[in-house]
C-alpha atoms as a PDB file:
ATOM      1  CA  MET A   1     -29.138 -22.556  -8.460  1.00  0.00           C
ATOM      2  CA  GLN A   2     -26.448 -19.895  -8.277  1.00  0.00           C
ATOM      3  CA  VAL A   3     -23.139 -20.209  -6.408  1.00  0.00           C
ATOM      4  CA  GLN A   4     -24.078 -17.531  -3.876  1.00  0.00           C
ATOM      5  CA  GLU A   5     -27.427 -19.175  -3.087  1.00  0.00           C
ATOM      6  CA  LEU A   6     -25.790 -22.550  -2.512  1.00  0.00           C
ATOM      7  CA  ILE A   7     -23.136 -20.982  -0.269  1.00  0.00           C
ATOM      8  CA  GLU A   8     -25.844 -19.277   1.799  1.00  0.00           C
ATOM      9  CA  ILE A   9     -27.774 -22.540   2.207  1.00  0.00           C
ATOM     10  CA  VAL A  10     -24.745 -24.574   3.284  1.00  0.00           C
ATOM     11  CA  LEU A  11     -23.531 -21.841   5.649  1.00  0.00           C
ATOM     12  CA  ALA A  12     -26.985 -21.609   7.215  1.00  0.00           C
ATOM     13  CA  VAL A  13     -26.755 -25.327   7.997  1.00  0.00           C
ATOM     14  CA  LEU A  14     -23.178 -25.113   9.289  1.00  0.00           C
ATOM     15  CA  GLU A  15     -23.818 -22.033  11.418  1.00  0.00           C
ATOM     16  CA  THR A  16     -27.037 -23.152  13.101  1.00  0.00           C
ATOM     17  CA  ASP A  17     -26.993 -23.704  16.856  1.00  0.00           C
ATOM     18  CA  GLU A  18     -29.273 -26.718  16.397  1.00  0.00           C
ATOM     19  CA  LEU A  19     -26.374 -28.954  15.279  1.00  0.00           C
ATOM     20  CA  ASP A  20     -23.469 -29.910  17.491  1.00  0.00           C
ATOM     21  CA  MET A  21     -19.852 -29.626  16.327  1.00  0.00           C
ATOM     22  CA  LYS A  22     -19.640 -33.334  15.530  1.00  0.00           C
ATOM     23  CA  ASP A  23     -22.578 -33.107  13.111  1.00  0.00           C
ATOM     24  CA  LYS A  24     -21.155 -29.951  11.509  1.00  0.00           C
ATOM     25  CA  GLU A  25     -17.799 -31.667  10.992  1.00  0.00           C
ATOM     26  CA  MET A  26     -19.562 -34.664   9.457  1.00  0.00           C
ATOM     27  CA  ILE A  27     -21.358 -32.361   7.002  1.00  0.00           C
ATOM     28  CA  LYS A  28     -18.125 -30.542   6.079  1.00  0.00           C
ATOM     29  CA  ASN A  29     -16.323 -33.858   5.612  1.00  0.00           C
ATOM     30  CA  SER A  30     -19.137 -35.141   3.391  1.00  0.00           C
ATOM     31  CA  ILE A  31     -18.939 -32.000   1.245  1.00  0.00           C
ATOM     32  CA  VAL A  32     -15.175 -32.383   0.865  1.00  0.00           C
ATOM     33  CA  ASN A  33     -15.437 -36.122   0.153  1.00  0.00           C
ATOM     34  CA  GLY A  34     -18.038 -35.492  -2.523  1.00  0.00           C
ATOM     35  CA  ALA A  35     -15.890 -32.788  -4.119  1.00  0.00           C
ATOM     36  CA  GLU A  36     -12.834 -35.080  -4.036  1.00  0.00           C
ATOM     37  CA  SER A  37     -14.772 -37.890  -5.697  1.00  0.00           C
ATOM     38  CA  LEU A  38     -16.000 -35.542  -8.420  1.00  0.00           C
ATOM     39  CA  HIS A  39     -12.498 -34.067  -8.874  1.00  0.00           C
ATOM     40  CA  LYS A  40     -10.926 -37.484  -9.429  1.00  0.00           C
ATOM     41  CA  ASN A  41     -13.481 -38.615 -12.022  1.00  0.00           C
ATOM     42  CA  MET A  42     -13.401 -35.784 -14.513  1.00  0.00           C
ATOM     43  CA  ASP A  43     -14.937 -35.685 -17.955  1.00  0.00           C
ATOM     44  CA  LEU A  44     -15.640 -32.457 -19.825  1.00  0.00           C
ATOM     45  CA  GLN A  45     -19.092 -31.951 -18.286  1.00  0.00           C
ATOM     46  CA  THR A  46     -17.818 -32.705 -14.764  1.00  0.00           C
ATOM     47  CA  MET A  47     -14.907 -30.306 -15.248  1.00  0.00           C
ATOM     48  CA  GLN A  48     -17.305 -27.514 -16.162  1.00  0.00           C
ATOM     49  CA  LEU A  49     -19.511 -28.299 -13.156  1.00  0.00           C
ATOM     50  CA  GLU A  50     -16.459 -28.260 -10.888  1.00  0.00           C
ATOM     51  CA  GLN A  51     -15.183 -24.932 -12.177  1.00  0.00           C
ATOM     52  CA  THR A  52     -18.535 -23.147 -12.160  1.00  0.00           C
ATOM     53  CA  LEU A  53     -20.172 -24.529  -9.018  1.00  0.00           C
ATOM     54  CA  VAL A  54     -18.343 -27.119  -6.930  1.00  0.00           C
ATOM     55  CA  LYS A  55     -14.968 -25.416  -6.468  1.00  0.00           C
ATOM     56  CA  PRO A  56     -16.362 -21.921  -5.786  1.00  0.00           C
ATOM     57  CA  VAL A  57     -18.825 -23.277  -3.211  1.00  0.00           C
ATOM     58  CA  VAL A  58     -16.550 -25.808  -1.488  1.00  0.00           C
ATOM     59  CA  ASN A  59     -13.504 -23.523  -1.394  1.00  0.00           C
ATOM     60  CA  TYR A  60     -15.458 -20.538  -0.091  1.00  0.00           C
ATOM     61  CA  ILE A  61     -17.206 -22.534   2.623  1.00  0.00           C
ATOM     62  CA  MET A  62     -14.079 -24.334   3.803  1.00  0.00           C
ATOM     63  CA  GLU A  63     -11.958 -21.153   3.783  1.00  0.00           C
ATOM     64  CA  ILE A  64     -14.489 -18.993   5.635  1.00  0.00           C
ATOM     65  CA  GLN A  65     -15.149 -21.760   8.176  1.00  0.00           C
ATOM     66  CA  THR A  66     -11.400 -22.281   8.723  1.00  0.00           C
ATOM     67  CA  ALA A  67     -10.946 -18.526   9.135  1.00  0.00           C
ATOM     68  CA  GLY A  68     -13.570 -18.512  11.888  1.00  0.00           C
ATOM     69  CA  ASP A  69     -12.057 -21.568  13.573  1.00  0.00           C
ATOM     70  CA  ASP A  70      -8.586 -20.005  13.482  1.00  0.00           C
ATOM     71  CA  LEU A  71      -9.954 -16.800  15.003  1.00  0.00           C
ATOM     72  CA  LYS A  72     -11.581 -18.796  17.839  1.00  0.00           C
ATOM     73  CA  ALA A  73      -8.276 -20.593  18.415  1.00  0.00           C
ATOM     74  CA  ALA A  74      -6.415 -17.252  18.451  1.00  0.00           C
ATOM     75  CA  GLN A  75      -8.810 -15.957  21.100  1.00  0.00           C
ATOM     76  CA  ALA A  76      -8.435 -19.106  23.224  1.00  0.00           C
ATOM     77  CA  LEU A  77      -4.630 -18.909  22.971  1.00  0.00           C
ATOM     78  CA  TYR A  78      -4.736 -15.220  23.927  1.00  0.00           C
ATOM     79  CA  GLU A  79      -6.781 -16.073  27.018  1.00  0.00           C
ATOM     80  CA  GLN A  80      -4.080 -18.607  27.977  1.00  0.00           C
ATOM     81  CA  ASN A  81      -1.365 -15.922  27.571  1.00  0.00           C
ATOM     82  CA  LEU A  82       0.098 -17.800  24.585  1.00  0.00           C
ATOM     83  CA  TYR A  83       0.576 -14.621  22.591  1.00  0.00           C
ATOM     84  CA  ASN A  84       2.992 -15.886  19.922  1.00  0.00           C
ATOM     85  CA  GLN A  85       0.683 -18.784  19.120  1.00  0.00           C
ATOM     86  CA  SER A  86      -2.353 -16.498  19.124  1.00  0.00           C
ATOM     87  CA  VAL A  87      -0.707 -14.181  16.594  1.00  0.00           C
ATOM     88  CA  ASN A  88       0.019 -17.191  14.384  1.00  0.00           C
ATOM     89  CA  ARG A  89      -3.663 -18.204  14.385  1.00  0.00           C
ATOM     90  CA  SER A  90      -4.735 -14.563  13.864  1.00  0.00           C
ATOM     91  CA  TYR A  91      -2.639 -14.429  10.711  1.00  0.00           C
ATOM     92  CA  TYR A  92      -3.994 -17.724   9.414  1.00  0.00           C
ATOM     93  CA  SER A  93      -7.528 -16.529  10.083  1.00  0.00           C
ATOM     94  CA  MET A  94      -6.776 -13.541   7.866  1.00  0.00           C
ATOM     95  CA  MET A  95      -5.142 -15.720   5.204  1.00  0.00           C
ATOM     96  CA  HIS A  96      -8.154 -18.052   5.013  1.00  0.00           C
ATOM     97  CA  SER A  97     -10.513 -15.052   5.001  1.00  0.00           C
ATOM     98  CA  LEU A  98      -8.528 -13.641   2.087  1.00  0.00           C
ATOM     99  CA  LYS A  99      -8.720 -16.943   0.209  1.00  0.00           C
ATOM    100  CA  ALA A 100     -12.512 -16.931   0.674  1.00  0.00           C
ATOM    101  CA  LEU A 101     -12.669 -13.379  -0.674  1.00  0.00           C
ATOM    102  CA  LEU A 102     -10.443 -14.277  -3.625  1.00  0.00           C
ATOM    103  CA  GLU A 103     -12.613 -17.306  -4.379  1.00  0.00           C
ATOM    104  CA  SER A 104     -15.717 -15.106  -4.391  1.00  0.00           C
ATOM    105  CA  GLU A 105     -13.962 -12.828  -6.897  1.00  0.00           C
ATOM    106  CA  ASN A 106     -12.834 -15.773  -9.095  1.00  0.00           C
ATOM    107  CA  MET A 107      -9.221 -14.876  -8.359  1.00  0.00           C
ATOM    108  CA  LEU A 108      -8.120 -18.096  -6.659  1.00  0.00           C
ATOM    109  CA  SER A 109      -6.239 -20.684  -8.702  1.00  0.00           C
ATOM    110  CA  ASP A 110      -7.805 -23.944  -9.808  1.00  0.00           C
ATOM    111  CA  TRP A 111      -7.422 -27.086  -7.739  1.00  0.00           C
ATOM    112  CA  GLU A 112      -4.324 -29.140  -8.398  1.00  0.00           C
ATOM    113  CA  PRO A 113      -4.810 -32.401 -10.321  1.00  0.00           C
ATOM    114  CA  ASN A 114      -5.909 -35.187  -7.948  1.00  0.00           C
ATOM    115  CA  ALA A 115      -6.052 -32.856  -4.911  1.00  0.00           C
ATOM    116  CA  LEU A 116      -8.449 -30.236  -3.583  1.00  0.00           C
ATOM    117  CA  ASN A 117      -5.559 -27.847  -3.051  1.00  0.00           C
ATOM    118  CA  VAL A 118      -5.018 -24.347  -4.375  1.00  0.00           C
ATOM    119  CA  LYS A 119      -1.315 -23.654  -4.714  1.00  0.00           C
ATOM    120  CA  GLU A 120      -0.877 -19.981  -3.846  1.00  0.00           C
ATOM    121  CA  SER A 121       2.034 -18.624  -1.841  1.00  0.00           C
ATOM    122  CA  HIS A 122       1.570 -16.103   0.944  1.00  0.00           C
ATOM    123  CA  LYS A 123       3.235 -13.532  -1.325  1.00  0.00           C
ATOM    124  CA  GLN A 124       0.831 -14.309  -4.192  1.00  0.00           C
ATOM    125  CA  LEU A 125      -2.143 -13.955  -1.862  1.00  0.00           C
ATOM    126  CA  GLU A 126      -0.852 -10.597  -0.623  1.00  0.00           C
ATOM    127  CA  ARG A 127      -0.382  -9.389  -4.221  1.00  0.00           C
ATOM    128  CA  LYS A 128      -3.947 -10.378  -5.021  1.00  0.00           C
ATOM    129  CA  LEU A 129      -5.181  -8.512  -1.938  1.00  0.00           C
ATOM    130  CA  SER A 130      -3.258  -5.472  -3.166  1.00  0.00           C
ATOM    131  CA  SER A 131      -5.024  -5.833  -6.510  1.00  0.00           C
ATOM    132  CA  LEU A 132      -8.410  -5.901  -4.750  1.00  0.00           C
ATOM    133  CA  VAL A 133      -7.451  -2.678  -2.964  1.00  0.00           C
ATOM    134  CA  SER A 134      -6.412  -1.072  -6.272  1.00  0.00           C
ATOM    135  CA  ASN A 135      -9.767  -2.075  -7.780  1.00  0.00           C
ATOM    136  CA  GLY A 136     -11.690  -0.583  -4.849  1.00  0.00           C
ATOM    137  CA  LYS A 137     -13.086  -3.918  -3.670  1.00  0.00           C
ATOM    138  CA  ILE A 138     -11.607  -3.615  -0.162  1.00  0.00           C
ATOM    139  CA  GLY A 139     -10.037  -0.733   1.751  1.00  0.00           C
ATOM    140  CA  LEU A 140      -6.318  -0.053   2.030  1.00  0.00           C
ATOM    141  CA  ASP A 141      -6.552  -0.373   5.815  1.00  0.00           C
ATOM    142  CA  TYR A 142      -7.266  -4.107   5.381  1.00  0.00           C
ATOM    143  CA  LEU A 143      -4.113  -4.561   3.303  1.00  0.00           C
ATOM    144  CA  ASP A 144      -2.162  -2.672   5.969  1.00  0.00           C
ATOM    145  CA  SER A 145      -3.700  -4.876   8.680  1.00  0.00           C
ATOM    146  CA  PHE A 146      -2.869  -8.029   6.729  1.00  0.00           C
ATOM    147  CA  ARG A 147       0.752  -6.943   6.334  1.00  0.00           C
ATOM    148  CA  PHE A 148       1.004  -5.933   9.987  1.00  0.00           C
ATOM    149  CA  VAL A 149      -0.284  -9.281  11.283  1.00  0.00           C
ATOM    150  CA  LYS A 150       1.799 -11.178   8.729  1.00  0.00           C
ATOM    151  CA  GLN A 151       4.927  -9.426  10.022  1.00  0.00           C
ATOM    152  CA  LYS A 152       3.993 -10.111  13.654  1.00  0.00           C
ATOM    153  CA  ARG A 153       3.394 -13.767  12.761  1.00  0.00           C
ATOM    154  CA  TRP A 154       6.845 -13.898  11.180  1.00  0.00           C
ATOM    155  CA  ILE A 155       8.368 -12.504  14.380  1.00  0.00           C
ATOM    156  CA  ALA A 156       6.322 -14.843  16.577  1.00  0.00           C
ATOM    157  CA  ASP A 157       7.178 -17.944  14.546  1.00  0.00           C
ATOM    158  CA  TYR A 158      10.768 -17.392  13.461  1.00  0.00           C
ATOM    159  CA  ASN A 159      12.482 -15.036  15.888  1.00  0.00           C
ATOM    160  CA  ILE A 160      13.521 -15.473  19.468  1.00  0.00           C
ATOM    161  CA  ALA A 161      11.041 -12.866  20.551  1.00  0.00           C
ATOM    162  CA  LYS A 162       7.941 -12.679  22.637  1.00  0.00           C
ATOM    163  CA  ILE A 163       4.852 -10.948  21.391  1.00  0.00           C
ATOM    164  CA  ASP A 164       3.339  -8.959  24.229  1.00  0.00           C
ATOM    165  CA  GLU A 165      -0.311  -8.817  25.222  1.00  0.00           C
ATOM    166  CA  ILE A 166      -0.964  -5.456  23.533  1.00  0.00           C
ATOM    167  CA  GLU A 167       0.514  -6.595  20.199  1.00  0.00           C
ATOM    168  CA  CYS A 168      -1.429  -9.836  20.405  1.00  0.00           C
ATOM    169  CA  LYS A 169      -4.702  -8.077  21.167  1.00  0.00           C
ATOM    170  CA  ASP A 170      -4.084  -5.731  18.237  1.00  0.00           C
ATOM    171  CA  CYS A 171      -3.550  -8.707  15.897  1.00  0.00           C
ATOM    172  CA  LEU A 172      -6.728 -10.359  17.191  1.00  0.00           C
ATOM    173  CA  LYS A 173      -8.701  -7.185  16.558  1.00  0.00           C
ATOM    174  CA  LYS A 174      -7.295  -6.828  13.045  1.00  0.00           C
ATOM    175  CA  ALA A 175      -8.073 -10.486  12.249  1.00  0.00           C
ATOM    176  CA  ASN A 176     -11.620 -10.129  13.584  1.00  0.00           C
ATOM    177  CA  ASN A 177     -12.202  -6.961  11.551  1.00  0.00           C
ATOM    178  CA  PHE A 178     -10.740  -8.597   8.445  1.00  0.00           C
ATOM    179  CA  LEU A 179     -13.011 -11.637   8.714  1.00  0.00           C
ATOM    180  CA  SER A 180     -16.041  -9.422   9.369  1.00  0.00           C
ATOM    181  CA  GLU A 181     -15.262  -7.326   6.286  1.00  0.00           C
ATOM    182  CA  VAL A 182     -14.831 -10.394   4.078  1.00  0.00           C
ATOM    183  CA  LYS A 183     -18.175 -11.737   5.285  1.00  0.00           C
ATOM    184  CA  ARG A 184     -19.795  -8.353   4.655  1.00  0.00           C
ATOM    185  CA  LEU A 185     -18.390  -8.239   1.144  1.00  0.00           C
ATOM    186  CA  THR A 186     -19.221 -11.807   0.235  1.00  0.00           C
ATOM    187  CA  TYR A 187     -22.601 -12.595   1.805  1.00  0.00           C
END
């Protein structure tokens, strides 16, 4: 079975309306627990399996799911007039979307020893997005959108400033478009 086929199968299960959120969370937790168990008990054959199948599938699924969850949270915060917080979640939706895209392109770092964590800074992720633009994988407008929302998130999180409704709505739109494009490119 190929990585892409396995991703499609797991996403079909996680995105069905026939399961409630509790069951979907249980499935995601089981996937992560299984990957953690495998990651902690590595021999040469297990390491190869992790690098060629487990990490690409688990990382992609968890990143794309988190991106969607963050986008839903951004929308809910927007509807409550919590614009700074909505912009924060919009940015993180884009960041997790980008990590899913990078994973699908084999451009995301390996997991750290003893942890299912990819250590990549926001700056490193942005540089890798720029590389994808240079290689024609994704349009320049998505890099511009990423930078725009990243800057608005910086203002929202670290300045004594209020993001207004129009700015917030613009960030939400950019995050939604970014996630849609990543999904289009990856499955």
